[in-house]
């Protein structure tokens, strides 16, 4: 493996911003990560690094509701490093870490063909009300204990997206 995954460190923010912006080809997602960090809502921020350069990033942020639930967004890989399994490794590592920390659920808005291979499902998310509910709104249960369905309320930074 030519890269490794680690926690975000002080001073990583500019490189994370650059890789997220490059991955999405616009500013919105990079601004979201910056806003989540600034508001203290960035619960888990992991980077993929190769030769001292950040080439991937994943953000998990605290939801206002339900309790012990996180939002996975965004997951980013530098365009010239896509297809190497970096995004998948970031998702697996972040879900393992969230489970280890005692989180109950992770919600994601994304392509079911991609996220279902990590255990996310539309059916798991279905009992939860959310402004993003639909065919791309999925959840992953991290504990055997079923959470009481509640409205899924994202951190304020999501409402500021374009």
N, C-alpha and C. Protein backbone atom coordinates (compact mmCIF):
# COMPACT_ATOMS: atom_id res chain seq x y z
N UNK A 1 0.86 -1.19 0.00
CA UNK A 1 0.00 0.00 0.00
C UNK A 1 0.89 1.24 0.00
N UNK A 2 0.61 2.13 -0.89
CA UNK A 2 1.43 3.32 -1.04
C UNK A 2 0.94 4.49 -0.19
N UNK A 3 -0.12 4.25 0.59
CA UNK A 3 -0.71 5.31 1.39
C UNK A 3 -1.18 4.71 2.71
N UNK A 4 -1.44 5.59 3.69
CA UNK A 4 -1.97 5.15 4.98
C UNK A 4 -3.03 6.14 5.45
N UNK A 5 -3.83 5.70 6.41
CA UNK A 5 -4.92 6.53 6.94
C UNK A 5 -4.57 6.94 8.36
N UNK A 6 -4.85 8.21 8.66
CA UNK A 6 -4.62 8.73 10.01
C UNK A 6 -5.66 9.79 10.34
N UNK A 7 -5.71 10.16 11.61
CA UNK A 7 -6.58 11.24 12.06
C UNK A 7 -6.07 12.58 11.49
N UNK A 8 -6.99 13.49 11.25
CA UNK A 8 -6.60 14.85 10.90
C UNK A 8 -5.77 15.44 12.03
N UNK A 9 -4.76 16.21 11.66
CA UNK A 9 -3.91 16.90 12.64
C UNK A 9 -4.02 18.40 12.45
N UNK A 10 -3.57 19.14 13.47
CA UNK A 10 -3.47 20.60 13.33
C UNK A 10 -2.62 20.90 12.10
N UNK A 11 -3.05 21.85 11.32
CA UNK A 11 -2.32 22.24 10.14
C UNK A 11 -2.73 21.52 8.86
N UNK A 12 -3.59 20.49 8.98
CA UNK A 12 -4.04 19.73 7.80
C UNK A 12 -5.15 20.43 7.03
N UNK A 13 -5.84 21.37 7.66
CA UNK A 13 -7.05 21.95 7.06
C UNK A 13 -6.86 22.47 5.63
N UNK A 14 -5.79 23.23 5.32
CA UNK A 14 -5.64 23.71 3.94
C UNK A 14 -5.49 22.58 2.92
N UNK A 15 -4.74 21.54 3.25
CA UNK A 15 -4.55 20.41 2.32
C UNK A 15 -5.86 19.62 2.18
N UNK A 16 -6.61 19.48 3.27
CA UNK A 16 -7.91 18.81 3.19
C UNK A 16 -8.84 19.60 2.29
N UNK A 17 -8.89 20.91 2.49
CA UNK A 17 -9.73 21.77 1.65
C UNK A 17 -9.38 21.57 0.17
N UNK A 18 -8.10 21.54 -0.14
CA UNK A 18 -7.65 21.41 -1.53
C UNK A 18 -8.06 20.07 -2.12
N UNK A 19 -7.90 18.98 -1.37
CA UNK A 19 -8.24 17.66 -1.92
C UNK A 19 -9.76 17.50 -2.07
N UNK A 20 -10.53 18.04 -1.14
CA UNK A 20 -11.99 17.95 -1.25
C UNK A 20 -12.47 18.77 -2.44
N UNK A 21 -11.93 19.96 -2.59
CA UNK A 21 -12.32 20.81 -3.72
C UNK A 21 -11.95 20.16 -5.05
N UNK A 22 -10.77 19.58 -5.13
CA UNK A 22 -10.35 18.92 -6.36
C UNK A 22 -11.23 17.70 -6.66
N UNK A 23 -11.58 16.94 -5.64
CA UNK A 23 -12.38 15.74 -5.82
C UNK A 23 -13.77 16.06 -6.37
N UNK A 24 -14.35 17.17 -5.91
CA UNK A 24 -15.71 17.52 -6.31
C UNK A 24 -15.75 18.57 -7.43
N UNK A 25 -14.63 19.21 -7.71
CA UNK A 25 -14.58 20.19 -8.78
C UNK A 25 -15.34 21.47 -8.48
N UNK A 26 -15.60 21.71 -7.21
CA UNK A 26 -16.29 22.94 -6.79
C UNK A 26 -15.98 23.20 -5.31
N UNK A 27 -16.43 24.34 -4.81
CA UNK A 27 -16.09 24.75 -3.44
C UNK A 27 -17.04 24.23 -2.37
N UNK A 28 -18.28 23.87 -2.72
CA UNK A 28 -19.30 23.59 -1.72
C UNK A 28 -18.88 22.57 -0.67
N UNK A 29 -18.39 21.40 -1.09
CA UNK A 29 -18.07 20.34 -0.16
C UNK A 29 -16.86 20.71 0.71
N UNK A 30 -15.87 21.38 0.12
CA UNK A 30 -14.71 21.83 0.89
C UNK A 30 -15.14 22.86 1.93
N UNK A 31 -16.04 23.75 1.54
CA UNK A 31 -16.58 24.73 2.48
C UNK A 31 -17.37 24.08 3.59
N UNK A 32 -18.07 23.00 3.25
CA UNK A 32 -18.83 22.25 4.26
C UNK A 32 -17.89 21.69 5.33
N UNK A 33 -16.81 21.06 4.90
CA UNK A 33 -15.84 20.51 5.86
C UNK A 33 -15.27 21.62 6.74
N UNK A 34 -14.91 22.74 6.13
CA UNK A 34 -14.38 23.88 6.89
C UNK A 34 -15.40 24.38 7.91
N UNK A 35 -16.66 24.51 7.48
CA UNK A 35 -17.71 25.01 8.37
C UNK A 35 -17.99 24.02 9.51
N UNK A 36 -17.99 22.72 9.21
CA UNK A 36 -18.20 21.72 10.27
C UNK A 36 -17.07 21.78 11.30
N UNK A 37 -15.84 21.92 10.82
CA UNK A 37 -14.68 22.01 11.71
C UNK A 37 -14.80 23.25 12.59
N UNK A 38 -15.10 24.38 11.98
CA UNK A 38 -15.20 25.66 12.70
C UNK A 38 -16.28 25.62 13.77
N UNK A 39 -17.41 24.95 13.46
CA UNK A 39 -18.53 24.88 14.41
C UNK A 39 -18.33 23.81 15.49
N UNK A 40 -17.28 23.01 15.37
CA UNK A 40 -17.06 21.94 16.33
C UNK A 40 -17.91 20.71 16.09
N UNK A 41 -18.49 20.60 14.89
CA UNK A 41 -19.37 19.48 14.56
C UNK A 41 -18.65 18.34 13.84
N UNK A 42 -17.37 18.52 13.53
CA UNK A 42 -16.60 17.50 12.84
C UNK A 42 -16.14 16.47 13.88
N UNK A 43 -16.89 15.37 13.98
CA UNK A 43 -16.64 14.35 14.99
C UNK A 43 -15.45 13.48 14.65
N UNK A 44 -15.33 13.12 13.39
CA UNK A 44 -14.24 12.27 12.95
C UNK A 44 -13.77 12.77 11.60
N UNK A 45 -12.49 13.05 11.50
CA UNK A 45 -11.90 13.55 10.26
C UNK A 45 -10.63 12.75 10.01
N UNK A 46 -10.69 11.88 9.00
CA UNK A 46 -9.56 11.04 8.66
C UNK A 46 -9.00 11.43 7.30
N UNK A 47 -7.69 11.29 7.16
CA UNK A 47 -7.05 11.57 5.88
C UNK A 47 -6.30 10.33 5.41
N UNK A 48 -6.20 10.21 4.10
CA UNK A 48 -5.30 9.24 3.48
C UNK A 48 -4.09 10.05 3.05
N UNK A 49 -2.91 9.54 3.38
CA UNK A 49 -1.68 10.27 3.13
C UNK A 49 -0.68 9.38 2.39
N UNK A 50 0.00 9.96 1.43
CA UNK A 50 1.05 9.27 0.69
C UNK A 50 2.25 10.21 0.59
N UNK A 51 3.39 9.75 1.05
CA UNK A 51 4.62 10.56 0.99
C UNK A 51 4.42 11.96 1.54
N UNK A 52 3.70 12.06 2.66
CA UNK A 52 3.48 13.34 3.32
C UNK A 52 2.42 14.22 2.68
N UNK A 53 1.77 13.73 1.63
CA UNK A 53 0.74 14.51 0.94
C UNK A 53 -0.64 13.90 1.23
N UNK A 54 -1.61 14.76 1.56
CA UNK A 54 -2.97 14.30 1.78
C UNK A 54 -3.63 14.06 0.43
N UNK A 55 -4.09 12.81 0.22
CA UNK A 55 -4.68 12.42 -1.07
C UNK A 55 -6.14 12.00 -0.93
N UNK A 56 -6.64 11.97 0.31
CA UNK A 56 -8.03 11.61 0.53
C UNK A 56 -8.49 12.09 1.90
N UNK A 57 -9.80 12.19 2.06
CA UNK A 57 -10.37 12.67 3.32
C UNK A 57 -11.79 12.15 3.47
N UNK A 58 -12.18 11.92 4.72
CA UNK A 58 -13.56 11.59 5.05
C UNK A 58 -13.97 12.37 6.28
N UNK A 59 -15.19 12.86 6.28
CA UNK A 59 -15.74 13.61 7.41
C UNK A 59 -16.98 12.91 7.95
N UNK A 60 -17.02 12.74 9.26
CA UNK A 60 -18.22 12.31 9.95
C UNK A 60 -18.55 13.40 10.95
N UNK A 61 -19.78 13.90 10.86
CA UNK A 61 -20.19 15.00 11.72
C UNK A 61 -21.36 14.58 12.60
N UNK A 62 -21.46 15.22 13.75
CA UNK A 62 -22.52 14.94 14.71
C UNK A 62 -23.85 15.45 14.18
N UNK A 63 -24.87 14.61 14.24
CA UNK A 63 -26.22 15.04 13.90
C UNK A 63 -26.87 15.64 15.15
N UNK A 64 -27.76 16.59 14.95
CA UNK A 64 -28.52 17.14 16.08
C UNK A 64 -29.51 16.10 16.59
N UNK A 65 -29.98 15.25 15.69
CA UNK A 65 -30.91 14.18 16.00
C UNK A 65 -30.79 13.15 14.89
N UNK A 66 -30.92 11.86 15.20
CA UNK A 66 -31.14 11.22 16.49
C UNK A 66 -29.85 11.17 17.33
N UNK A 67 -30.03 10.72 18.57
CA UNK A 67 -28.93 10.64 19.53
C UNK A 67 -27.90 9.62 19.03
N UNK A 68 -26.64 9.91 19.27
CA UNK A 68 -25.52 9.03 18.91
C UNK A 68 -25.49 8.66 17.43
N UNK A 69 -25.84 9.63 16.58
CA UNK A 69 -25.83 9.40 15.14
C UNK A 69 -24.93 10.42 14.45
N UNK A 70 -24.33 9.96 13.36
CA UNK A 70 -23.41 10.79 12.59
C UNK A 70 -23.83 10.86 11.14
N UNK A 71 -23.34 11.89 10.46
CA UNK A 71 -23.51 12.02 9.00
C UNK A 71 -22.15 11.79 8.36
N UNK A 72 -22.13 10.95 7.34
CA UNK A 72 -20.91 10.73 6.56
C UNK A 72 -21.02 11.64 5.35
N UNK A 73 -20.17 12.65 5.31
CA UNK A 73 -20.15 13.56 4.17
C UNK A 73 -19.11 14.65 4.40
N UNK A 74 -18.31 14.89 3.42
CA UNK A 74 -18.11 14.11 2.21
C UNK A 74 -16.95 13.13 2.37
N UNK A 75 -16.84 12.22 1.41
CA UNK A 75 -15.65 11.39 1.26
C UNK A 75 -15.00 11.83 -0.05
N UNK A 76 -13.70 12.10 0.01
CA UNK A 76 -13.02 12.72 -1.13
C UNK A 76 -11.69 12.03 -1.39
N UNK A 77 -11.38 11.88 -2.65
CA UNK A 77 -10.08 11.34 -3.06
C UNK A 77 -9.56 12.21 -4.21
N UNK A 78 -8.29 12.56 -4.14
CA UNK A 78 -7.68 13.36 -5.21
C UNK A 78 -7.94 12.69 -6.56
N UNK A 79 -8.32 13.46 -7.56
CA UNK A 79 -8.69 12.88 -8.86
C UNK A 79 -7.64 11.92 -9.43
N UNK A 80 -6.37 12.23 -9.27
CA UNK A 80 -5.33 11.36 -9.84
C UNK A 80 -5.08 10.10 -9.02
N UNK A 81 -5.78 9.95 -7.87
CA UNK A 81 -5.61 8.77 -7.03
C UNK A 81 -6.90 7.95 -6.92
N UNK A 82 -7.94 8.35 -7.64
CA UNK A 82 -9.19 7.62 -7.59
C UNK A 82 -9.02 6.26 -8.26
N UNK A 83 -9.76 5.28 -7.77
CA UNK A 83 -9.69 3.94 -8.31
C UNK A 83 -8.68 3.04 -7.61
N UNK A 84 -8.04 3.56 -6.56
CA UNK A 84 -7.04 2.79 -5.81
C UNK A 84 -7.61 2.15 -4.54
N UNK A 85 -8.90 2.38 -4.27
CA UNK A 85 -9.49 1.84 -3.05
C UNK A 85 -9.37 2.75 -1.84
N UNK A 86 -8.92 3.97 -2.05
CA UNK A 86 -8.71 4.91 -0.95
C UNK A 86 -10.04 5.31 -0.31
N UNK A 87 -11.03 5.64 -1.13
CA UNK A 87 -12.33 6.02 -0.60
C UNK A 87 -12.95 4.90 0.22
N UNK A 88 -12.89 3.68 -0.30
CA UNK A 88 -13.44 2.51 0.41
C UNK A 88 -12.72 2.31 1.73
N UNK A 89 -11.39 2.45 1.73
CA UNK A 89 -10.62 2.29 2.97
C UNK A 89 -10.99 3.37 3.99
N UNK A 90 -11.20 4.59 3.52
CA UNK A 90 -11.61 5.67 4.43
C UNK A 90 -12.99 5.38 5.04
N UNK A 91 -13.91 4.87 4.22
CA UNK A 91 -15.25 4.55 4.73
C UNK A 91 -15.16 3.44 5.77
N UNK A 92 -14.44 2.38 5.45
CA UNK A 92 -14.31 1.26 6.39
C UNK A 92 -13.67 1.69 7.71
N UNK A 93 -12.59 2.45 7.62
CA UNK A 93 -11.88 2.90 8.83
C UNK A 93 -12.76 3.82 9.67
N UNK A 94 -13.49 4.72 9.03
CA UNK A 94 -14.33 5.66 9.77
C UNK A 94 -15.51 4.96 10.43
N UNK A 95 -16.10 3.98 9.75
CA UNK A 95 -17.22 3.26 10.37
C UNK A 95 -16.73 2.39 11.54
N UNK A 96 -15.56 1.78 11.39
CA UNK A 96 -14.98 1.02 12.50
C UNK A 96 -14.72 1.92 13.70
N UNK A 97 -14.17 3.08 13.45
CA UNK A 97 -13.85 4.01 14.54
C UNK A 97 -15.13 4.53 15.20
N UNK A 98 -16.16 4.84 14.41
CA UNK A 98 -17.43 5.29 14.98
C UNK A 98 -18.04 4.19 15.85
N UNK A 99 -17.98 2.96 15.40
CA UNK A 99 -18.49 1.82 16.19
C UNK A 99 -17.71 1.70 17.50
N UNK A 100 -16.39 1.81 17.40
CA UNK A 100 -15.54 1.71 18.59
C UNK A 100 -15.87 2.81 19.61
N UNK A 101 -16.26 3.96 19.12
CA UNK A 101 -16.59 5.10 20.00
C UNK A 101 -18.00 5.02 20.58
N UNK A 102 -18.76 4.01 20.16
CA UNK A 102 -20.10 3.83 20.71
C UNK A 102 -21.21 4.56 19.98
N UNK A 103 -20.95 4.99 18.77
CA UNK A 103 -22.01 5.64 17.98
C UNK A 103 -23.03 4.58 17.56
N UNK A 104 -24.28 5.01 17.36
CA UNK A 104 -25.36 4.07 17.03
C UNK A 104 -25.61 3.94 15.53
N UNK A 105 -25.55 5.05 14.80
CA UNK A 105 -25.93 5.09 13.39
C UNK A 105 -25.06 6.06 12.62
N UNK A 106 -24.89 5.76 11.34
CA UNK A 106 -24.29 6.71 10.41
C UNK A 106 -25.26 6.84 9.23
N UNK A 107 -25.57 8.06 8.86
CA UNK A 107 -26.41 8.35 7.70
C UNK A 107 -25.54 8.88 6.57
N UNK A 108 -25.93 8.54 5.35
CA UNK A 108 -25.21 9.04 4.18
C UNK A 108 -26.22 9.31 3.07
N UNK A 109 -25.92 10.30 2.26
CA UNK A 109 -26.69 10.60 1.06
C UNK A 109 -25.74 10.32 -0.11
N UNK A 110 -26.01 9.24 -0.83
CA UNK A 110 -25.09 8.88 -1.90
C UNK A 110 -25.63 7.77 -2.77
N UNK A 111 -24.77 7.26 -3.62
CA UNK A 111 -25.13 6.24 -4.59
C UNK A 111 -25.28 4.89 -3.89
N UNK A 112 -26.50 4.31 -3.90
CA UNK A 112 -26.69 3.01 -3.26
C UNK A 112 -25.78 1.92 -3.82
N UNK A 113 -25.49 1.96 -5.11
CA UNK A 113 -24.62 0.94 -5.71
C UNK A 113 -23.24 0.95 -5.06
N UNK A 114 -22.82 2.09 -4.57
CA UNK A 114 -21.52 2.21 -3.90
C UNK A 114 -21.63 1.93 -2.40
N UNK A 115 -22.53 2.63 -1.72
CA UNK A 115 -22.56 2.57 -0.25
C UNK A 115 -23.16 1.29 0.32
N UNK A 116 -23.98 0.58 -0.43
CA UNK A 116 -24.54 -0.66 0.11
C UNK A 116 -23.45 -1.71 0.35
N UNK A 117 -22.36 -1.64 -0.35
CA UNK A 117 -21.29 -2.61 -0.11
C UNK A 117 -20.60 -2.44 1.23
N UNK A 118 -20.86 -1.32 1.90
CA UNK A 118 -20.33 -1.07 3.23
C UNK A 118 -21.37 -1.31 4.32
N UNK A 119 -22.56 -1.77 3.90
CA UNK A 119 -23.62 -2.07 4.86
C UNK A 119 -24.69 -1.01 4.99
N UNK A 120 -24.55 0.11 4.28
CA UNK A 120 -25.58 1.15 4.31
C UNK A 120 -26.79 0.66 3.53
N UNK A 121 -27.99 1.05 3.98
CA UNK A 121 -29.19 0.67 3.24
C UNK A 121 -30.28 1.72 3.36
N UNK A 122 -31.08 1.80 2.30
CA UNK A 122 -32.23 2.68 2.29
C UNK A 122 -33.24 2.20 3.33
N UNK A 123 -33.37 0.88 3.48
CA UNK A 123 -34.33 0.31 4.44
C UNK A 123 -34.01 0.71 5.88
N UNK A 124 -32.73 0.75 6.23
CA UNK A 124 -32.34 1.15 7.59
C UNK A 124 -32.69 2.62 7.83
N UNK A 125 -32.57 3.44 6.81
CA UNK A 125 -32.87 4.87 6.95
C UNK A 125 -34.36 5.18 6.89
N UNK A 126 -35.15 4.28 6.29
CA UNK A 126 -36.57 4.55 6.01
C UNK A 126 -37.40 5.00 7.22
N UNK A 127 -37.21 4.43 8.42
CA UNK A 127 -38.04 4.88 9.54
C UNK A 127 -37.74 6.29 10.05
N UNK A 128 -36.66 6.89 9.54
CA UNK A 128 -36.23 8.20 10.02
C UNK A 128 -36.69 9.29 9.05
N UNK A 129 -37.37 10.30 9.58
CA UNK A 129 -37.78 11.44 8.76
C UNK A 129 -36.57 12.30 8.48
N UNK A 130 -36.47 12.79 7.25
CA UNK A 130 -35.34 13.65 6.90
C UNK A 130 -35.67 14.42 5.64
N UNK A 131 -35.18 15.65 5.56
CA UNK A 131 -35.39 16.45 4.35
C UNK A 131 -34.70 15.82 3.14
N UNK A 132 -33.72 14.95 3.39
CA UNK A 132 -32.99 14.29 2.30
C UNK A 132 -33.52 12.89 1.99
N UNK A 133 -34.59 12.48 2.65
CA UNK A 133 -35.12 11.11 2.48
C UNK A 133 -35.43 10.83 1.01
N UNK A 134 -35.16 9.60 0.61
CA UNK A 134 -35.40 9.18 -0.77
C UNK A 134 -34.51 8.02 -1.13
N UNK A 135 -34.36 7.79 -2.41
CA UNK A 135 -33.62 6.64 -2.91
C UNK A 135 -32.12 6.66 -2.60
N UNK A 136 -31.58 7.82 -2.24
CA UNK A 136 -30.15 7.94 -1.98
C UNK A 136 -29.83 8.17 -0.50
N UNK A 137 -30.84 8.18 0.33
CA UNK A 137 -30.65 8.40 1.77
C UNK A 137 -30.57 7.04 2.47
N UNK A 138 -29.40 6.76 3.05
CA UNK A 138 -29.15 5.45 3.63
C UNK A 138 -28.57 5.58 5.04
N UNK A 139 -28.63 4.48 5.77
CA UNK A 139 -28.07 4.46 7.11
C UNK A 139 -27.37 3.12 7.35
N UNK A 140 -26.45 3.15 8.29
CA UNK A 140 -25.73 1.97 8.74
C UNK A 140 -25.87 1.90 10.26
N UNK A 141 -26.42 0.79 10.76
CA UNK A 141 -26.51 0.59 12.20
C UNK A 141 -25.17 0.07 12.70
N UNK A 142 -24.69 0.66 13.78
CA UNK A 142 -23.39 0.28 14.33
C UNK A 142 -23.52 -0.57 15.59
N UNK A 143 -24.71 -0.60 16.17
CA UNK A 143 -24.94 -1.37 17.40
C UNK A 143 -26.13 -2.29 17.18
N UNK A 144 -26.20 -3.31 18.00
CA UNK A 144 -27.33 -4.24 17.92
C UNK A 144 -28.60 -3.61 18.49
N UNK A 145 -28.41 -2.60 19.34
CA UNK A 145 -29.54 -1.90 19.95
C UNK A 145 -30.22 -1.02 18.91
N UNK A 146 -31.50 -1.22 18.71
CA UNK A 146 -32.25 -0.42 17.73
C UNK A 146 -32.52 0.96 18.32
N UNK A 147 -32.21 1.98 17.55
CA UNK A 147 -32.50 3.35 17.97
C UNK A 147 -33.97 3.65 17.70
N UNK A 148 -34.56 4.50 18.53
CA UNK A 148 -35.92 4.93 18.28
C UNK A 148 -35.91 5.87 17.08
N UNK A 149 -36.78 5.60 16.10
CA UNK A 149 -36.83 6.50 14.94
C UNK A 149 -37.12 7.93 15.37
N UNK A 150 -36.34 8.83 14.85
CA UNK A 150 -36.48 10.24 15.14
C UNK A 150 -36.18 11.00 13.86
N UNK A 151 -36.49 12.28 13.85
CA UNK A 151 -36.14 13.09 12.69
C UNK A 151 -34.63 13.23 12.62
N UNK A 152 -34.09 13.08 11.43
CA UNK A 152 -32.66 13.26 11.22
C UNK A 152 -32.41 14.74 10.94
N UNK A 153 -31.67 15.35 11.86
CA UNK A 153 -31.39 16.78 11.73
C UNK A 153 -29.87 16.97 11.64
N UNK A 154 -29.44 17.46 10.50
CA UNK A 154 -28.02 17.66 10.24
C UNK A 154 -27.49 18.91 10.93
N UNK A 155 -26.17 19.00 11.08
CA UNK A 155 -25.51 20.19 11.60
C UNK A 155 -25.87 21.38 10.71
N UNK A 156 -25.85 22.56 11.28
CA UNK A 156 -26.24 23.78 10.56
C UNK A 156 -25.46 23.99 9.26
N UNK A 157 -24.21 23.56 9.21
CA UNK A 157 -23.37 23.78 8.03
C UNK A 157 -24.00 23.16 6.76
N UNK A 158 -24.74 22.08 6.91
CA UNK A 158 -25.36 21.44 5.74
C UNK A 158 -26.42 22.35 5.12
N UNK A 159 -27.12 23.12 5.94
CA UNK A 159 -28.13 24.03 5.45
C UNK A 159 -27.57 25.19 4.67
N UNK A 160 -26.27 25.42 4.80
CA UNK A 160 -25.62 26.53 4.12
C UNK A 160 -25.04 26.13 2.77
N UNK A 161 -25.17 24.83 2.42
CA UNK A 161 -24.67 24.37 1.12
C UNK A 161 -25.47 25.00 -0.01
N UNK A 162 -24.81 25.21 -1.13
CA UNK A 162 -25.48 25.81 -2.28
C UNK A 162 -26.42 24.88 -2.98
